[in-house]
C-alpha atoms as a PDB file:
ATOM      1  CA  MET A   1      -5.394  -0.797  19.010  1.00  0.00           C
ATOM      2  CA  ALA A   2      -4.667  -0.464  15.287  1.00  0.00           C
ATOM      3  CA  GLU A   3      -4.893  -3.571  13.126  1.00  0.00           C
ATOM      4  CA  LEU A   4      -4.895  -4.818   9.542  1.00  0.00           C
ATOM      5  CA  VAL A   5      -8.416  -5.542   8.289  1.00  0.00           C
ATOM      6  CA  THR A   6     -10.035  -6.553   5.030  1.00  0.00           C
ATOM      7  CA  PRO A   7     -11.507  -3.430   3.387  1.00  0.00           C
ATOM      8  CA  ALA A   8     -15.196  -3.120   4.297  1.00  0.00           C
ATOM      9  CA  LEU A   9     -18.068  -0.650   4.145  1.00  0.00           C
ATOM     10  CA  ARG A  10     -17.700  -0.049   7.890  1.00  0.00           C
ATOM     11  CA  TRP A  11     -14.845   2.355   7.095  1.00  0.00           C
ATOM     12  CA  ALA A  12     -16.225   3.745   3.786  1.00  0.00           C
ATOM     13  CA  ILE A  13     -16.921   7.245   5.092  1.00  0.00           C
ATOM     14  CA  GLN A  14     -13.443   7.655   6.559  1.00  0.00           C
ATOM     15  CA  TYR A  15     -11.864   6.068   3.483  1.00  0.00           C
ATOM     16  CA  ARG A  16     -13.717   8.594   1.295  1.00  0.00           C
ATOM     17  CA  GLU A  17     -12.506  11.418   3.563  1.00  0.00           C
ATOM     18  CA  ALA A  18      -8.915  10.195   3.218  1.00  0.00           C
ATOM     19  CA  LEU A  19      -9.320  10.026  -0.569  1.00  0.00           C
ATOM     20  CA  THR A  20     -10.714  13.554  -0.616  1.00  0.00           C
ATOM     21  CA  GLU A  21      -7.751  14.882   1.352  1.00  0.00           C
ATOM     22  CA  ALA A  22      -5.299  12.921  -0.819  1.00  0.00           C
ATOM     23  CA  ALA A  23      -6.973  14.281  -3.978  1.00  0.00           C
ATOM     24  CA  ILE A  24      -6.515  17.838  -2.713  1.00  0.00           C
ATOM     25  CA  ARG A  25      -2.804  17.026  -2.345  1.00  0.00           C
ATOM     26  CA  SER A  26      -2.723  15.308  -5.790  1.00  0.00           C
ATOM     27  CA  GLU A  27      -1.759  12.026  -4.125  1.00  0.00           C
ATOM     28  CA  CYS A  28      -4.463   9.671  -5.405  1.00  0.00           C
ATOM     29  CA  ALA A  29      -3.534   6.840  -7.720  1.00  0.00           C
ATOM     30  CA  PRO A  30      -5.326   6.917 -11.082  1.00  0.00           C
ATOM     31  CA  TRP A  31      -7.154   3.700 -10.172  1.00  0.00           C
ATOM     32  CA  ASP A  32      -8.451   4.981  -6.832  1.00  0.00           C
ATOM     33  CA  PRO A  33     -12.194   5.527  -6.726  1.00  0.00           C
ATOM     34  CA  SER A  34     -13.070   9.187  -7.140  1.00  0.00           C
ATOM     35  CA  PRO A  35     -13.749  10.761  -3.740  1.00  0.00           C
ATOM     36  CA  ASP A  36     -17.038  12.114  -5.120  1.00  0.00           C
ATOM     37  CA  CYS A  37     -18.179   8.851  -6.760  1.00  0.00           C
ATOM     38  CA  SER A  38     -21.575   7.383  -5.943  1.00  0.00           C
ATOM     39  CA  ASP A  39     -22.041   5.246  -2.862  1.00  0.00           C
ATOM     40  CA  GLU A  40     -22.611   2.294  -5.187  1.00  0.00           C
ATOM     41  CA  ALA A  41     -19.303   2.885  -7.005  1.00  0.00           C
ATOM     42  CA  MET A  42     -17.501   3.227  -3.670  1.00  0.00           C
ATOM     43  CA  ALA A  43     -19.054  -0.019  -2.420  1.00  0.00           C
ATOM     44  CA  THR A  44     -17.945  -1.803  -5.599  1.00  0.00           C
ATOM     45  CA  ALA A  45     -14.388  -0.440  -5.257  1.00  0.00           C
ATOM     46  CA  ILE A  46     -14.203  -1.538  -1.621  1.00  0.00           C
ATOM     47  CA  ALA A  47     -15.509  -5.013  -2.471  1.00  0.00           C
ATOM     48  CA  GLU A  48     -12.869  -5.369  -5.198  1.00  0.00           C
ATOM     49  CA  MET A  49     -10.110  -4.244  -2.834  1.00  0.00           C
ATOM     50  CA  ALA A  50     -11.288  -6.822  -0.308  1.00  0.00           C
ATOM     51  CA  GLU A  51     -10.705  -9.466  -2.990  1.00  0.00           C
ATOM     52  CA  GLY A  52      -7.272  -8.078  -3.925  1.00  0.00           C
ATOM     53  CA  ILE A  53      -8.435  -6.475  -7.192  1.00  0.00           C
ATOM     54  CA  TRP A  54      -6.749  -3.101  -7.240  1.00  0.00           C
ATOM     55  CA  GLY A  55      -4.197  -1.360  -9.421  1.00  0.00           C
ATOM     56  CA  PRO A  56      -3.704  -0.395 -13.035  1.00  0.00           C
ATOM     57  CA  GLY A  57      -6.146  -2.361 -15.181  1.00  0.00           C
ATOM     58  CA  ALA A  58      -6.781  -4.962 -12.462  1.00  0.00           C
ATOM     59  CA  THR A  59      -9.636  -7.362 -13.205  1.00  0.00           C
ATOM     60  CA  GLU A  60      -8.613 -10.279 -10.998  1.00  0.00           C
ATOM     61  CA  PRO A  61      -6.925 -10.647  -7.596  1.00  0.00           C
ATOM     62  CA  SER A  62      -3.230  -9.756  -7.655  1.00  0.00           C
ATOM     63  CA  GLN A  63      -2.479  -8.972  -4.030  1.00  0.00           C
ATOM     64  CA  VAL A  64      -3.457  -9.132  -0.404  1.00  0.00           C
ATOM     65  CA  LEU A  65      -4.837  -5.659   0.258  1.00  0.00           C
ATOM     66  CA  ARG A  66      -5.576  -4.559   3.798  1.00  0.00           C
ATOM     67  CA  TRP A  67      -6.603  -1.376   5.546  1.00  0.00           C
ATOM     68  CA  TRP A  68      -4.941  -0.180   8.725  1.00  0.00           C
ATOM     69  CA  VAL A  69      -7.637   0.918  11.161  1.00  0.00           C
ATOM     70  CA  ASP A  70      -7.984   1.805  14.802  1.00  0.00           C
ATOM     71  CA  GLY A  71     -11.546   1.037  15.854  1.00  0.00           C
ATOM     72  CA  ASP A  72     -13.708   3.069  13.486  1.00  0.00           C
ATOM     73  CA  THR A  73     -10.789   5.180  12.246  1.00  0.00           C
ATOM     74  CA  TYR A  74      -9.268   4.473   8.814  1.00  0.00           C
ATOM     75  CA  LEU A  75      -5.506   5.146   8.927  1.00  0.00           C
ATOM     76  CA  GLY A  76      -4.150   3.785   5.652  1.00  0.00           C
ATOM     77  CA  ARG A  77      -3.874   0.902   3.237  1.00  0.00           C
ATOM     78  CA  ILE A  78      -1.181  -1.561   2.332  1.00  0.00           C
ATOM     79  CA  SER A  79      -0.922  -4.284  -0.274  1.00  0.00           C
ATOM     80  CA  LEU A  80       1.278  -7.326  -0.612  1.00  0.00           C
ATOM     81  CA  ARG A  81       1.565  -8.314  -4.255  1.00  0.00           C
ATOM     82  CA  PHE A  82       1.367 -12.021  -5.040  1.00  0.00           C
ATOM     83  CA  ARG A  83       4.791 -13.685  -5.252  1.00  0.00           C
ATOM     84  CA  SER A  84       4.156 -14.667  -8.864  1.00  0.00           C
ATOM     85  CA  LEU A  85       4.776 -11.021  -9.828  1.00  0.00           C
ATOM     86  CA  ARG A  86       8.489 -11.599  -9.353  1.00  0.00           C
ATOM     87  CA  GLU A  87       8.521 -14.126 -12.200  1.00  0.00           C
ATOM     88  CA  THR A  88       5.687 -12.916 -14.426  1.00  0.00           C
ATOM     89  CA  ASN A  89       6.593  -9.229 -14.530  1.00  0.00           C
ATOM     90  CA  PRO A  90      10.207  -8.756 -13.403  1.00  0.00           C
ATOM     91  CA  THR A  91      10.432  -5.233 -14.851  1.00  0.00           C
ATOM     92  CA  PHE A  92       7.455  -4.002 -12.845  1.00  0.00           C
ATOM     93  CA  TYR A  93       8.669  -5.897  -9.776  1.00  0.00           C
ATOM     94  CA  ALA A  94      12.151  -4.351  -9.945  1.00  0.00           C
ATOM     95  CA  GLY A  95      10.719  -0.841  -9.745  1.00  0.00           C
ATOM     96  CA  HIS A  96       7.722  -1.452  -7.473  1.00  0.00           C
ATOM     97  CA  GLY A  97       8.532  -4.457  -5.297  1.00  0.00           C
ATOM     98  CA  ASP A  98       6.251  -6.582  -3.154  1.00  0.00           C
ATOM     99  CA  ILE A  99       4.506  -4.012  -0.971  1.00  0.00           C
ATOM    100  CA  GLY A 100       2.842  -0.692  -1.639  1.00  0.00           C
ATOM    101  CA  TYR A 101       1.280   1.469   1.053  1.00  0.00           C
ATOM    102  CA  ASP A 102      -0.079   4.873   1.865  1.00  0.00           C
ATOM    103  CA  VAL A 103      -1.081   6.517   5.100  1.00  0.00           C
ATOM    104  CA  ALA A 104      -4.170   8.714   5.264  1.00  0.00           C
ATOM    105  CA  PRO A 105      -3.044  12.359   5.380  1.00  0.00           C
ATOM    106  CA  ALA A 106      -4.737  12.877   8.759  1.00  0.00           C
ATOM    107  CA  ALA A 107      -2.788   9.934  10.263  1.00  0.00           C
ATOM    108  CA  ARG A 108       0.713  10.873   9.113  1.00  0.00           C
ATOM    109  CA  GLY A 109       3.627  11.519  11.421  1.00  0.00           C
ATOM    110  CA  ARG A 110       2.332   9.320  14.247  1.00  0.00           C
ATOM    111  CA  GLY A 111       3.932   5.948  13.452  1.00  0.00           C
ATOM    112  CA  ALA A 112       0.964   4.472  11.563  1.00  0.00           C
ATOM    113  CA  GLY A 113       3.040   3.718   8.455  1.00  0.00           C
ATOM    114  CA  THR A 114       5.746   1.867  10.360  1.00  0.00           C
ATOM    115  CA  ALA A 115       3.264  -0.161  12.403  1.00  0.00           C
ATOM    116  CA  MET A 116       1.205  -1.007   9.318  1.00  0.00           C
ATOM    117  CA  LEU A 117       4.304  -2.109   7.405  1.00  0.00           C
ATOM    118  CA  ARG A 118       5.522  -4.277  10.293  1.00  0.00           C
ATOM    119  CA  ALA A 119       2.118  -5.978  10.430  1.00  0.00           C
ATOM    120  CA  MET A 120       2.155  -6.684   6.681  1.00  0.00           C
ATOM    121  CA  LEU A 121       5.690  -8.041   6.891  1.00  0.00           C
ATOM    122  CA  GLU A 122       4.303 -10.630   9.334  1.00  0.00           C
ATOM    123  CA  VAL A 123       1.651 -11.539   6.745  1.00  0.00           C
ATOM    124  CA  ALA A 124       4.397 -11.949   4.125  1.00  0.00           C
ATOM    125  CA  ARG A 125       6.403 -14.145   6.503  1.00  0.00           C
ATOM    126  CA  ASP A 126       3.322 -16.287   7.221  1.00  0.00           C
ATOM    127  CA  LEU A 127       2.758 -16.685   3.454  1.00  0.00           C
ATOM    128  CA  GLY A 128       6.320 -17.930   2.977  1.00  0.00           C
ATOM    129  CA  TYR A 129       7.987 -14.929   1.354  1.00  0.00           C
ATOM    130  CA  PRO A 130      11.771 -15.306   1.816  1.00  0.00           C
ATOM    131  CA  ASP A 131      12.173 -11.536   1.696  1.00  0.00           C
ATOM    132  CA  VAL A 132      10.276  -8.444   0.640  1.00  0.00           C
ATOM    133  CA  LEU A 133      11.384  -5.640  -1.672  1.00  0.00           C
ATOM    134  CA  ILE A 134       9.820  -2.195  -1.252  1.00  0.00           C
ATOM    135  CA  THR A 135      10.520   0.952  -3.237  1.00  0.00           C
ATOM    136  CA  CYS A 136       9.803   4.638  -2.800  1.00  0.00           C
ATOM    137  CA  ASP A 137      10.396   7.793  -4.779  1.00  0.00           C
ATOM    138  CA  VAL A 138      13.800   9.335  -4.131  1.00  0.00           C
ATOM    139  CA  ASP A 139      12.235  12.457  -2.613  1.00  0.00           C
ATOM    140  CA  ASN A 140       9.778  10.603  -0.348  1.00  0.00           C
ATOM    141  CA  VAL A 141      11.584  11.117   2.939  1.00  0.00           C
ATOM    142  CA  ALA A 142       8.626   9.952   5.047  1.00  0.00           C
ATOM    143  CA  SER A 143       8.438   6.592   3.250  1.00  0.00           C
ATOM    144  CA  ARG A 144      12.192   6.119   3.593  1.00  0.00           C
ATOM    145  CA  ARG A 145      11.873   6.672   7.345  1.00  0.00           C
ATOM    146  CA  VAL A 146       9.003   4.186   7.562  1.00  0.00           C
ATOM    147  CA  MET A 147      11.036   1.512   5.779  1.00  0.00           C
ATOM    148  CA  GLU A 148      14.166   2.143   7.831  1.00  0.00           C
ATOM    149  CA  LYS A 149      12.237   2.078  11.134  1.00  0.00           C
ATOM    150  CA  ALA A 150      10.596  -1.190  10.070  1.00  0.00           C
ATOM    151  CA  GLY A 151      14.018  -2.781   9.475  1.00  0.00           C
ATOM    152  CA  GLY A 152      14.509  -2.277   5.755  1.00  0.00           C
ATOM    153  CA  GLN A 153      18.019  -2.507   4.368  1.00  0.00           C
ATOM    154  CA  PHE A 154      18.891  -0.052   1.595  1.00  0.00           C
ATOM    155  CA  VAL A 155      19.692  -1.853  -1.675  1.00  0.00           C
ATOM    156  CA  ASP A 156      20.189   0.822  -4.317  1.00  0.00           C
ATOM    157  CA  ARG A 157      18.876   3.754  -6.315  1.00  0.00           C
ATOM    158  CA  TYR A 158      17.133   2.091  -9.240  1.00  0.00           C
ATOM    159  CA  ASP A 159      16.242   3.572 -12.630  1.00  0.00           C
ATOM    160  CA  ASP A 160      12.621   2.547 -13.204  1.00  0.00           C
ATOM    161  CA  ALA A 161      12.108   3.615 -16.841  1.00  0.00           C
ATOM    162  CA  GLY A 162      13.585   7.063 -16.245  1.00  0.00           C
ATOM    163  CA  GLU A 163      12.096   7.556 -12.768  1.00  0.00           C
ATOM    164  CA  PHE A 164      14.512   6.814  -9.960  1.00  0.00           C
ATOM    165  CA  VAL A 165      13.337   4.933  -6.880  1.00  0.00           C
ATOM    166  CA  LEU A 166      15.080   3.781  -3.738  1.00  0.00           C
ATOM    167  CA  ARG A 167      14.877   0.064  -3.068  1.00  0.00           C
ATOM    168  CA  TYR A 168      14.873  -1.571   0.359  1.00  0.00           C
ATOM    169  CA  VAL A 169      14.878  -5.270   1.189  1.00  0.00           C
ATOM    170  CA  PHE A 170      13.412  -6.924   4.266  1.00  0.00           C
ATOM    171  CA  PRO A 171      14.831 -10.410   4.897  1.00  0.00           C
ATOM    172  CA  LEU A 172      12.141 -12.563   6.490  1.00  0.00           C
END
């Protein structure tokens, strides 16, 4: 049974495999660890993710970051940004929202994204979020389907500094 877990070395090999496949597809974020980094660098990156330190220039916790796993199989990752982002960086928030996620290429098309998002929405509810905003690129049909299946309500097509994104809200 798939579940949200704190990132840990137990899934490091499969996480590295997912990063390698994502890199081949040019889907890695610039702050992802390099798929061919040392084991020590990978362990450091995983430890930081476990603490919520992940993203552009991150040096302190800014989110609840979890991996979606099924037993020993890494399926994806999802992060819930701290609520303070809404007030401290409204421009970033407007174009990126509360949750970011990606599904490992090998796990796509099997409902992992929708299940992972539903589980993180429960975390947001438990933490007192009144609602959650999530965005995706206009041409990301798979992400749109995930959000719609998870109960997202389309808000608008938003101009995020010249890059358009679709915004969905999830009342909690």
